[in-house]
């Protein structure tokens, strides 16, 4: 008998679920903690964007340089 296949969670699906979550269920302390977690995730995401931009700029500089 085959085992059921694992359900794959799509990219960004958890984030989409989190933003639809009913916030009425949380107390103020839990909401403050949620904000801290989300702010940390924003900072992490911005750092990745900066890294990717720097890598792209380095590649562009390498491949678009003209011989003197």
PDB file of N, CA and C in Angstrom:
ATOM      1  N   UNK A   1       0.840  -1.179   0.000  1.00  0.00           N
ATOM      2  CA  UNK A   1       0.000   0.000   0.000  1.00  0.00           C
ATOM      3  C   UNK A   1       0.888   1.246   0.000  1.00  0.00           C
ATOM      4  N   UNK A   2       0.557   2.202  -0.837  1.00  0.00           N
ATOM      5  CA  UNK A   2       1.361   3.415  -0.941  1.00  0.00           C
ATOM      6  C   UNK A   2       1.066   4.366   0.208  1.00  0.00           C
ATOM      7  N   UNK A   3       2.140   5.032   0.642  1.00  0.00           N
ATOM      8  CA  UNK A   3       1.959   6.064   1.664  1.00  0.00           C
ATOM      9  C   UNK A   3       1.482   7.334   0.979  1.00  0.00           C
ATOM     10  N   UNK A   4       0.658   8.116   1.679  1.00  0.00           N
ATOM     11  CA  UNK A   4       0.191   9.362   1.056  1.00  0.00           C
ATOM     12  C   UNK A   4       1.358  10.299   0.786  1.00  0.00           C
ATOM     13  N   UNK A   5       1.288  10.967  -0.334  1.00  0.00           N
ATOM     14  CA  UNK A   5       2.346  11.915  -0.696  1.00  0.00           C
ATOM     15  C   UNK A   5       2.320  13.101   0.256  1.00  0.00           C
ATOM     16  N   UNK A   6       3.504  13.618   0.549  1.00  0.00           N
ATOM     17  CA  UNK A   6       3.583  14.787   1.416  1.00  0.00           C
ATOM     18  C   UNK A   6       3.018  15.994   0.681  1.00  0.00           C
ATOM     19  N   UNK A   7       2.280  16.786   1.405  1.00  0.00           N
ATOM     20  CA  UNK A   7       1.726  17.989   0.815  1.00  0.00           C
ATOM     21  C   UNK A   7       2.828  19.034   0.741  1.00  0.00           C
ATOM     22  N   UNK A   8       3.055  19.544  -0.456  1.00  0.00           N
ATOM     23  CA  UNK A   8       4.087  20.566  -0.641  1.00  0.00           C
ATOM     24  C   UNK A   8       3.465  21.936  -0.422  1.00  0.00           C
ATOM     25  N   UNK A   9       4.144  22.727   0.358  1.00  0.00           N
ATOM     26  CA  UNK A   9       3.687  24.084   0.610  1.00  0.00           C
ATOM     27  C   UNK A   9       4.360  24.995  -0.395  1.00  0.00           C
ATOM     28  N   UNK A  10       3.556  25.739  -1.125  1.00  0.00           N
ATOM     29  CA  UNK A  10       4.075  26.616  -2.162  1.00  0.00           C
ATOM     30  C   UNK A  10       4.830  27.797  -1.590  1.00  0.00           C
ATOM     31  N   UNK A  11       5.685  28.356  -2.420  1.00  0.00           N
ATOM     32  CA  UNK A  11       6.480  29.516  -2.019  1.00  0.00           C
ATOM     33  C   UNK A  11       5.543  30.664  -1.651  1.00  0.00           C
ATOM     34  N   UNK A  12       5.718  31.206  -0.468  1.00  0.00           N
ATOM     35  CA  UNK A  12       4.919  32.335  -0.022  1.00  0.00           C
ATOM     36  C   UNK A  12       3.561  31.960   0.551  1.00  0.00           C
ATOM     37  N   UNK A  13       3.226  30.677   0.541  1.00  0.00           N
ATOM     38  CA  UNK A  13       1.906  30.251   1.019  1.00  0.00           C
ATOM     39  C   UNK A  13       1.729  30.524   2.509  1.00  0.00           C
ATOM     40  N   UNK A  14       2.766  30.258   3.295  1.00  0.00           N
ATOM     41  CA  UNK A  14       2.649  30.496   4.736  1.00  0.00           C
ATOM     42  C   UNK A  14       2.462  31.978   5.048  1.00  0.00           C
ATOM     43  N   UNK A  15       3.154  32.823   4.309  1.00  0.00           N
ATOM     44  CA  UNK A  15       3.003  34.259   4.493  1.00  0.00           C
ATOM     45  C   UNK A  15       1.582  34.694   4.141  1.00  0.00           C
ATOM     46  N   UNK A  16       1.068  34.175   3.050  1.00  0.00           N
ATOM     47  CA  UNK A  16      -0.295  34.505   2.638  1.00  0.00           C
ATOM     48  C   UNK A  16      -1.301  34.060   3.702  1.00  0.00           C
ATOM     49  N   UNK A  17      -1.068  32.901   4.287  1.00  0.00           N
ATOM     50  CA  UNK A  17      -1.954  32.410   5.350  1.00  0.00           C
ATOM     51  C   UNK A  17      -1.853  33.292   6.591  1.00  0.00           C
ATOM     52  N   UNK A  18      -0.644  33.741   6.905  1.00  0.00           N
ATOM     53  CA  UNK A  18      -0.438  34.562   8.099  1.00  0.00           C
ATOM     54  C   UNK A  18      -1.159  35.901   8.000  1.00  0.00           C
ATOM     55  N   UNK A  19      -1.173  36.495   6.819  1.00  0.00           N
ATOM     56  CA  UNK A  19      -1.816  37.803   6.694  1.00  0.00           C
ATOM     57  C   UNK A  19      -3.337  37.705   6.689  1.00  0.00           C
ATOM     58  N   UNK A  20      -3.853  36.512   6.479  1.00  0.00           N
ATOM     59  CA  UNK A  20      -5.309  36.318   6.530  1.00  0.00           C
ATOM     60  C   UNK A  20      -5.784  35.844   7.900  1.00  0.00           C
ATOM     61  N   UNK A  21      -4.861  35.628   8.815  1.00  0.00           N
ATOM     62  CA  UNK A  21      -5.200  35.100  10.133  1.00  0.00           C
ATOM     63  C   UNK A  21      -6.074  36.077  10.917  1.00  0.00           C
ATOM     64  N   UNK A  22      -7.009  35.544  11.663  1.00  0.00           N
ATOM     65  CA  UNK A  22      -7.916  36.348  12.476  1.00  0.00           C
ATOM     66  C   UNK A  22      -7.161  36.886  13.696  1.00  0.00           C
ATOM     67  N   UNK A  23      -6.940  38.194  13.733  1.00  0.00           N
ATOM     68  CA  UNK A  23      -6.170  38.800  14.821  1.00  0.00           C
ATOM     69  C   UNK A  23      -7.008  38.996  16.084  1.00  0.00           C
ATOM     70  N   UNK A  24      -8.313  38.830  15.989  1.00  0.00           N
ATOM     71  CA  UNK A  24      -9.176  38.947  17.176  1.00  0.00           C
ATOM     72  C   UNK A  24      -8.840  37.900  18.227  1.00  0.00           C
ATOM     73  N   UNK A  25      -8.212  36.827  17.814  1.00  0.00           N
ATOM     74  CA  UNK A  25      -7.892  35.727  18.724  1.00  0.00           C
ATOM     75  C   UNK A  25      -6.687  36.025  19.614  1.00  0.00           C
ATOM     76  N   UNK A  26      -5.938  37.082  19.308  1.00  0.00           N
ATOM     77  CA  UNK A  26      -4.704  37.393  20.017  1.00  0.00           C
ATOM     78  C   UNK A  26      -4.905  38.498  21.047  1.00  0.00           C
ATOM     79  N   UNK A  27      -4.113  38.428  22.115  1.00  0.00           N
ATOM     80  CA  UNK A  27      -4.055  39.502  23.099  1.00  0.00           C
ATOM     81  C   UNK A  27      -3.042  40.542  22.649  1.00  0.00           C
ATOM     82  N   UNK A  28      -2.999  41.653  23.366  1.00  0.00           N
ATOM     83  CA  UNK A  28      -2.093  42.734  22.963  1.00  0.00           C
ATOM     84  C   UNK A  28      -0.626  42.315  23.018  1.00  0.00           C
ATOM     85  N   UNK A  29      -0.240  41.542  24.018  1.00  0.00           N
ATOM     86  CA  UNK A  29       1.155  41.090  24.109  1.00  0.00           C
ATOM     87  C   UNK A  29       1.515  40.207  22.920  1.00  0.00           C
ATOM     88  N   UNK A  30       0.590  39.349  22.537  1.00  0.00           N
ATOM     89  CA  UNK A  30       0.845  38.480  21.392  1.00  0.00           C
ATOM     90  C   UNK A  30       0.906  39.283  20.093  1.00  0.00           C
ATOM     91  N   UNK A  31       0.097  40.310  19.988  1.00  0.00           N
ATOM     92  CA  UNK A  31       0.133  41.163  18.799  1.00  0.00           C
ATOM     93  C   UNK A  31       1.437  41.944  18.733  1.00  0.00           C
ATOM     94  N   UNK A  32       1.924  42.422  19.881  1.00  0.00           N
ATOM     95  CA  UNK A  32       3.218  43.118  19.919  1.00  0.00           C
ATOM     96  C   UNK A  32       4.332  42.174  19.492  1.00  0.00           C
ATOM     97  N   UNK A  33       4.284  40.939  19.959  1.00  0.00           N
ATOM     98  CA  UNK A  33       5.291  39.948  19.583  1.00  0.00           C
ATOM     99  C   UNK A  33       5.216  39.665  18.082  1.00  0.00           C
ATOM    100  N   UNK A  34       4.012  39.593  17.570  1.00  0.00           N
ATOM    101  CA  UNK A  34       3.827  39.368  16.138  1.00  0.00           C
ATOM    102  C   UNK A  34       4.468  40.493  15.334  1.00  0.00           C
ATOM    103  N   UNK A  35       4.271  41.737  15.786  1.00  0.00           N
ATOM    104  CA  UNK A  35       4.875  42.890  15.103  1.00  0.00           C
ATOM    105  C   UNK A  35       6.391  42.782  15.128  1.00  0.00           C
ATOM    106  N   UNK A  36       6.965  42.406  16.257  1.00  0.00           N
ATOM    107  CA  UNK A  36       8.423  42.252  16.358  1.00  0.00           C
ATOM    108  C   UNK A  36       8.929  41.196  15.379  1.00  0.00           C
ATOM    109  N   UNK A  37       8.214  40.096  15.285  1.00  0.00           N
ATOM    110  CA  UNK A  37       8.608  39.019  14.367  1.00  0.00           C
ATOM    111  C   UNK A  37       8.519  39.502  12.926  1.00  0.00           C
ATOM    112  N   UNK A  38       7.445  40.195  12.599  1.00  0.00           N
ATOM    113  CA  UNK A  38       7.279  40.700  11.236  1.00  0.00           C
ATOM    114  C   UNK A  38       8.339  41.748  10.893  1.00  0.00           C
ATOM    115  N   UNK A  39       8.685  42.613  11.846  1.00  0.00           N
ATOM    116  CA  UNK A  39       9.730  43.607  11.602  1.00  0.00           C
ATOM    117  C   UNK A  39      11.081  42.939  11.391  1.00  0.00           C
ATOM    118  N   UNK A  40      11.354  41.880  12.141  1.00  0.00           N
ATOM    119  CA  UNK A  40      12.599  41.138  11.951  1.00  0.00           C
ATOM    120  C   UNK A  40      12.622  40.487  10.571  1.00  0.00           C
ATOM    121  N   UNK A  41      11.489  39.992  10.128  1.00  0.00           N
ATOM    122  CA  UNK A  41      11.414  39.381   8.803  1.00  0.00           C
ATOM    123  C   UNK A  41      11.589  40.428   7.708  1.00  0.00           C
ATOM    124  N   UNK A  42      11.051  41.615   7.911  1.00  0.00           N
ATOM    125  CA  UNK A  42      11.255  42.703   6.954  1.00  0.00           C
ATOM    126  C   UNK A  42      12.738  43.043   6.852  1.00  0.00           C
ATOM    127  N   UNK A  43      13.416  43.145   7.982  1.00  0.00           N
ATOM    128  CA  UNK A  43      14.849  43.448   7.990  1.00  0.00           C
ATOM    129  C   UNK A  43      15.639  42.348   7.293  1.00  0.00           C
ATOM    130  N   UNK A  44      15.287  41.102   7.536  1.00  0.00           N
ATOM    131  CA  UNK A  44      15.967  39.973   6.902  1.00  0.00           C
ATOM    132  C   UNK A  44      15.753  40.010   5.394  1.00  0.00           C
ATOM    133  N   UNK A  45      14.541  40.318   4.974  1.00  0.00           N
ATOM    134  CA  UNK A  45      14.225  40.375   3.552  1.00  0.00           C
ATOM    135  C   UNK A  45      14.965  41.523   2.874  1.00  0.00           C
ATOM    136  N   UNK A  46      15.026  42.672   3.537  1.00  0.00           N
ATOM    137  CA  UNK A  46      15.769  43.809   2.975  1.00  0.00           C
ATOM    138  C   UNK A  46      17.250  43.487   2.829  1.00  0.00           C
ATOM    139  N   UNK A  47      17.807  42.769   3.798  1.00  0.00           N
ATOM    140  CA  UNK A  47      19.217  42.376   3.725  1.00  0.00           C
ATOM    141  C   UNK A  47      19.449  41.460   2.527  1.00  0.00           C
ATOM    142  N   UNK A  48      18.520  40.547   2.265  1.00  0.00           N
ATOM    143  CA  UNK A  48      18.649  39.669   1.103  1.00  0.00           C
ATOM    144  C   UNK A  48      18.557  40.464  -0.194  1.00  0.00           C
ATOM    145  N   UNK A  49      17.665  41.431  -0.236  1.00  0.00           N
ATOM    146  CA  UNK A  49      17.542  42.276  -1.421  1.00  0.00           C
ATOM    147  C   UNK A  49      18.860  43.005  -1.665  1.00  0.00           C
ATOM    148  N   UNK A  50      19.438  43.570  -0.604  1.00  0.00           N
ATOM    149  CA  UNK A  50      20.719  44.278  -0.735  1.00  0.00           C
ATOM    150  C   UNK A  50      21.807  43.349  -1.246  1.00  0.00           C
ATOM    151  N   UNK A  51      21.859  42.121  -0.716  1.00  0.00           N
ATOM    152  CA  UNK A  51      22.854  41.145  -1.158  1.00  0.00           C
ATOM    153  C   UNK A  51      22.679  40.801  -2.627  1.00  0.00           C
ATOM    154  N   UNK A  52      21.435  40.576  -3.031  1.00  0.00           N
ATOM    155  CA  UNK A  52      21.172  40.221  -4.422  1.00  0.00           C
ATOM    156  C   UNK A  52      21.517  41.386  -5.355  1.00  0.00           C
ATOM    157  N   UNK A  53      21.192  42.607  -4.945  1.00  0.00           N
ATOM    158  CA  UNK A  53      21.530  43.773  -5.771  1.00  0.00           C
ATOM    159  C   UNK A  53      23.035  43.932  -5.896  1.00  0.00           C
ATOM    160  N   UNK A  54      23.746  43.740  -4.789  1.00  0.00           N
ATOM    161  CA  UNK A  54      25.202  43.862  -4.819  1.00  0.00           C
ATOM    162  C   UNK A  54      25.804  42.804  -5.735  1.00  0.00           C
ATOM    163  N   UNK A  55      25.293  41.599  -5.667  1.00  0.00           N
ATOM    164  CA  UNK A  55      25.778  40.539  -6.550  1.00  0.00           C
ATOM    165  C   UNK A  55      25.502  40.848  -8.011  1.00  0.00           C
ATOM    166  N   UNK A  56      24.329  41.368  -8.275  1.00  0.00           N
ATOM    167  CA  UNK A  56      23.977  41.733  -9.655  1.00  0.00           C
ATOM    168  C   UNK A  56      24.870  42.867 -10.159  1.00  0.00           C
ATOM    169  N   UNK A  57      25.096  43.870  -9.312  1.00  0.00           N
ATOM    170  CA  UNK A  57      25.950  44.988  -9.700  1.00  0.00           C
ATOM    171  C   UNK A  57      27.378  44.518  -9.969  1.00  0.00           C
ATOM    172  N   UNK A  58      27.870  43.582  -9.153  1.00  0.00           N
ATOM    173  CA  UNK A  58      29.216  43.049  -9.356  1.00  0.00           C
ATOM    174  C   UNK A  58      29.296  42.285 -10.677  1.00  0.00           C
ATOM    175  N   UNK A  59      28.262  41.507 -10.968  1.00  0.00           N
ATOM    176  CA  UNK A  59      28.241  40.757 -12.225  1.00  0.00           C
ATOM    177  C   UNK A  59      28.147  41.707 -13.410  1.00  0.00           C
ATOM    178  N   UNK A  60      27.293  42.709 -13.299  1.00  0.00           N
ATOM    179  CA  UNK A  60      27.174  43.692 -14.373  1.00  0.00           C
ATOM    180  C   UNK A  60      28.500  44.402 -14.614  1.00  0.00           C
ATOM    181  N   UNK A  61      29.189  44.765 -13.534  1.00  0.00           N
ATOM    182  CA  UNK A  61      30.468  45.455 -13.667  1.00  0.00           C
ATOM    183  C   UNK A  61      31.510  44.544 -14.322  1.00  0.00           C
ATOM    184  N   UNK A  62      31.490  43.274 -13.975  1.00  0.00           N
ATOM    185  CA  UNK A  62      32.450  42.323 -14.519  1.00  0.00           C
ATOM    186  C   UNK A  62      32.216  42.095 -16.005  1.00  0.00           C
ATOM    187  N   UNK A  63      30.980  41.894 -16.376  1.00  0.00           N
ATOM    188  CA  UNK A  63      30.676  41.517 -17.763  1.00  0.00           C
ATOM    189  C   UNK A  63      30.459  42.704 -18.691  1.00  0.00           C
ATOM    190  N   UNK A  64      30.279  43.874 -18.148  1.00  0.00           N
ATOM    191  CA  UNK A  64      30.074  45.022 -19.027  1.00  0.00           C
ATOM    192  C   UNK A  64      31.321  45.907 -19.127  1.00  0.00           C
ATOM    193  N   UNK A  65      32.404  45.494 -18.485  1.00  0.00           N
ATOM    194  CA  UNK A  65      33.623  46.303 -18.554  1.00  0.00           C
ATOM    195  C   UNK A  65      34.229  46.160 -19.952  1.00  0.00           C
ATOM    196  N   UNK A  66      34.711  47.280 -20.424  1.00  0.00           N
ATOM    197  CA  UNK A  66      35.317  47.307 -21.771  1.00  0.00           C
ATOM    198  C   UNK A  66      36.827  47.350 -21.624  1.00  0.00           C
ATOM    199  N   UNK A  67      37.521  46.618 -22.466  1.00  0.00           N
ATOM    200  CA  UNK A  67      38.994  46.676 -22.417  1.00  0.00           C
ATOM    201  C   UNK A  67      39.491  48.077 -22.780  1.00  0.00           C
ATOM    202  N   UNK A  68      40.513  48.528 -22.087  1.00  0.00           N
ATOM    203  CA  UNK A  68      41.028  49.874 -22.340  1.00  0.00           C
ATOM    204  C   UNK A  68      41.974  49.908 -23.502  1.00  0.00           C
TER     205      UNK A  68
END
